[in-house]
């Protein structure tokens, strides 16, 4: 019990989030089912977003949730779940050389643990101030031209993708009427 007497509540939150990330990342790497790997990736990305929010980087944490969890991971899950005949195809996430990876992970863990033990911990808690107001002001004052230029470039890329997709649909030959009935 003496070992846990110096652990503050914020350090406990950090350790819980770090444990969640490491366990979920191990689930991603070691699961033989691609669907289980995708759900474990949800835990990993959620834990990283929790760390960002815990450290006071609220904009990056919310962006992590919206972009990675809300966009990419949901797209991955829908792609896996809605693919036809996914059960008949043997898709797995088999690790190539588990022994070498375990040795590398153990060495890396030992080095990082030694660094963490030797690093002095700050006695005061950093004040978590919101970052979104400062980012919004910077985007609309100092970086306004670059922000607008990036939005125009993204709009052009979106229109270009729509034109290419539409052209691919137009160029695709339509089946004859008797072929469509069968």
Protein backbone atom coordinates (compact mmCIF):
# COMPACT_ATOMS: atom_id res chain seq x y z
CA UNK A 1 0.00 0.00 0.00
CA UNK A 2 3.00 2.27 0.51
CA UNK A 3 3.65 2.09 -3.24
CA UNK A 4 0.27 3.66 -4.11
CA UNK A 5 0.35 6.38 -1.45
CA UNK A 6 2.03 8.93 -3.74
CA UNK A 7 -0.28 8.37 -6.73
CA UNK A 8 -2.48 11.40 -7.31
CA UNK A 9 -5.95 11.15 -8.88
CA UNK A 10 -4.67 12.73 -12.10
CA UNK A 11 -1.82 10.22 -12.28
CA UNK A 12 -4.35 7.44 -11.74
CA UNK A 13 -6.44 8.74 -14.65
CA UNK A 14 -3.33 8.84 -16.81
CA UNK A 15 -2.36 5.29 -15.88
CA UNK A 16 -5.88 4.01 -16.57
CA UNK A 17 -5.94 5.68 -19.99
CA UNK A 18 -2.46 4.40 -20.81
CA UNK A 19 -3.45 0.88 -19.78
CA UNK A 20 -6.58 1.08 -21.93
CA UNK A 21 -4.51 2.21 -24.92
CA UNK A 22 -1.88 -0.51 -24.52
CA UNK A 23 -4.42 -3.31 -23.97
CA UNK A 24 -6.54 -2.17 -26.93
CA UNK A 25 -3.48 -1.82 -29.16
CA UNK A 26 -2.47 -5.37 -28.22
CA UNK A 27 -5.99 -6.46 -29.17
CA UNK A 28 -5.59 -4.79 -32.57
CA UNK A 29 -2.25 -6.45 -33.23
CA UNK A 30 -2.96 -9.90 -31.83
CA UNK A 31 -6.59 -10.55 -32.76
CA UNK A 32 -7.14 -13.09 -35.51
CA UNK A 33 -10.52 -11.60 -36.45
CA UNK A 34 -10.48 -8.34 -38.40
CA UNK A 35 -13.77 -7.23 -36.85
CA UNK A 36 -12.39 -7.65 -33.32
CA UNK A 37 -9.28 -5.72 -34.40
CA UNK A 38 -11.47 -2.85 -35.61
CA UNK A 39 -13.38 -2.75 -32.31
CA UNK A 40 -10.10 -2.83 -30.37
CA UNK A 41 -8.92 0.07 -32.51
CA UNK A 42 -11.96 1.97 -31.21
CA UNK A 43 -10.62 1.56 -27.66
CA UNK A 44 -7.14 2.64 -28.69
CA UNK A 45 -8.29 5.77 -30.51
CA UNK A 46 -10.73 6.61 -27.71
CA UNK A 47 -7.96 6.30 -25.13
CA UNK A 48 -5.69 8.59 -27.14
CA UNK A 49 -8.52 11.13 -27.39
CA UNK A 50 -8.95 10.84 -23.61
CA UNK A 51 -5.25 11.57 -23.14
CA UNK A 52 -5.51 14.64 -25.34
CA UNK A 53 -8.49 15.90 -23.37
CA UNK A 54 -6.74 15.09 -20.08
CA UNK A 55 -3.69 17.12 -21.13
CA UNK A 56 -5.82 20.16 -21.95
CA UNK A 57 -5.64 19.85 -25.75
CA UNK A 58 -9.39 19.92 -26.17
CA UNK A 59 -9.35 20.78 -29.88
CA UNK A 60 -7.03 17.90 -30.76
CA UNK A 61 -9.03 15.52 -28.54
CA UNK A 62 -12.33 16.42 -30.15
CA UNK A 63 -10.73 16.27 -33.60
CA UNK A 64 -9.44 12.79 -32.71
CA UNK A 65 -12.96 11.71 -31.80
CA UNK A 66 -14.64 13.28 -34.83
CA UNK A 67 -12.10 12.37 -37.49
CA UNK A 68 -10.67 9.05 -36.41
CA UNK A 69 -13.47 7.49 -34.40
CA UNK A 70 -16.40 9.21 -36.07
CA UNK A 71 -15.13 8.99 -39.60
CA UNK A 72 -12.38 6.55 -40.37
CA UNK A 73 -13.20 3.83 -37.84
CA UNK A 74 -16.92 3.87 -38.61
CA UNK A 75 -16.08 3.65 -42.32
CA UNK A 76 -13.81 0.69 -41.61
CA UNK A 77 -16.48 -1.06 -39.56
CA UNK A 78 -19.14 -0.49 -42.21
CA UNK A 79 -16.76 -1.75 -44.90
CA UNK A 80 -16.14 -4.93 -42.92
CA UNK A 81 -19.75 -5.45 -41.86
CA UNK A 82 -21.42 -4.63 -45.18
CA UNK A 83 -19.06 -6.49 -47.48
CA UNK A 84 -20.85 -9.35 -49.21
CA UNK A 85 -19.68 -12.85 -48.37
CA UNK A 86 -17.28 -11.63 -45.67
CA UNK A 87 -17.81 -14.91 -43.85
CA UNK A 88 -16.66 -17.01 -46.80
CA UNK A 89 -13.38 -15.13 -47.20
CA UNK A 90 -10.64 -15.98 -44.74
CA UNK A 91 -9.50 -12.53 -43.62
CA UNK A 92 -7.26 -12.63 -40.61
CA UNK A 93 -4.75 -10.52 -38.80
CA UNK A 94 -2.07 -13.13 -38.19
CA UNK A 95 1.17 -11.78 -36.78
CA UNK A 96 4.19 -12.72 -38.85
CA UNK A 97 6.86 -13.09 -36.17
CA UNK A 98 5.34 -12.87 -32.70
CA UNK A 99 8.59 -13.80 -30.90
CA UNK A 100 10.64 -10.99 -32.43
CA UNK A 101 7.84 -8.51 -31.79
CA UNK A 102 7.55 -9.61 -28.14
CA UNK A 103 11.29 -9.24 -27.60
CA UNK A 104 11.29 -5.78 -29.24
CA UNK A 105 8.29 -4.70 -27.15
CA UNK A 106 9.93 -5.95 -23.94
CA UNK A 107 13.16 -4.06 -24.68
CA UNK A 108 11.24 -0.88 -25.55
CA UNK A 109 9.10 -1.21 -22.42
CA UNK A 110 12.20 -1.65 -20.25
CA UNK A 111 13.89 1.43 -21.71
CA UNK A 112 10.75 3.58 -21.37
CA UNK A 113 10.09 2.33 -17.82
CA UNK A 114 13.66 3.17 -16.80
CA UNK A 115 13.29 6.66 -18.25
CA UNK A 116 9.92 7.14 -16.49
CA UNK A 117 11.34 6.04 -13.12
CA UNK A 118 14.30 8.41 -13.40
CA UNK A 119 12.23 11.41 -14.55
CA UNK A 120 11.15 13.70 -11.72
CA UNK A 121 7.39 14.23 -11.58
CA UNK A 122 6.09 17.80 -11.27
CA UNK A 123 4.49 18.59 -7.93
CA UNK A 124 1.88 20.97 -9.30
CA UNK A 125 -0.88 20.17 -11.74
CA UNK A 126 -0.76 22.09 -15.04
CA UNK A 127 -3.77 24.31 -15.56
CA UNK A 128 -5.84 23.01 -18.43
CA UNK A 129 -7.03 26.01 -20.42
CA UNK A 130 -9.23 25.61 -23.49
CA UNK A 131 -7.37 25.87 -26.77
CA UNK A 132 -10.29 26.26 -29.16
CA UNK A 133 -10.74 30.01 -28.60
CA UNK A 134 -7.06 30.70 -29.30
CA UNK A 135 -7.12 28.49 -32.41
CA UNK A 136 -10.28 30.15 -33.69
CA UNK A 137 -8.79 33.60 -33.21
CA UNK A 138 -5.58 32.56 -34.96
CA UNK A 139 -7.50 31.05 -37.91
CA UNK A 140 -9.58 34.20 -38.35
CA UNK A 141 -6.80 36.75 -37.79
CA UNK A 142 -3.18 35.72 -38.45
CA UNK A 143 -3.86 32.73 -40.69
CA UNK A 144 -7.04 33.89 -42.45
CA UNK A 145 -5.59 33.83 -45.98
CA UNK A 146 -4.02 30.38 -45.48
CA UNK A 147 -7.23 29.08 -43.91
CA UNK A 148 -9.32 30.28 -46.85
CA UNK A 149 -6.76 28.97 -49.34
CA UNK A 150 -6.87 25.53 -47.70
CA UNK A 151 -10.69 25.54 -47.86
CA UNK A 152 -10.64 26.45 -51.59
CA UNK A 153 -8.10 23.68 -52.31
CA UNK A 154 -10.22 21.14 -50.40
CA UNK A 155 -13.32 22.29 -52.30
CA UNK A 156 -11.50 21.86 -55.63
CA UNK A 157 -10.37 18.37 -54.61
CA UNK A 158 -13.95 17.45 -53.68
CA UNK A 159 -15.33 18.74 -56.99
CA UNK A 160 -12.57 16.90 -58.88
CA UNK A 161 -13.40 13.65 -57.10
CA UNK A 162 -17.09 14.09 -57.96
CA UNK A 163 -16.26 14.76 -61.63
CA UNK A 164 -14.03 11.67 -61.81
CA UNK A 165 -16.63 9.49 -60.10
CA UNK A 166 -19.39 10.78 -62.39
CA UNK A 167 -17.23 10.19 -65.47
CA UNK A 168 -16.55 6.60 -64.35
CA UNK A 169 -20.30 6.00 -64.00
CA UNK A 170 -21.03 7.52 -67.43
CA UNK A 171 -18.29 5.51 -69.16
CA UNK A 172 -19.51 2.22 -67.71
CA UNK A 173 -21.48 0.33 -70.39
CA UNK A 174 -25.12 -0.33 -69.57
CA UNK A 175 -26.38 -3.87 -69.99
CA UNK A 176 -28.92 -4.52 -72.71
CA UNK A 177 -32.62 -4.59 -71.76
CA UNK A 178 -32.87 -8.37 -72.00
CA UNK A 179 -29.77 -8.77 -69.80
CA UNK A 180 -31.29 -6.56 -67.10
CA UNK A 181 -34.44 -8.69 -66.91
CA UNK A 182 -32.57 -11.88 -66.10
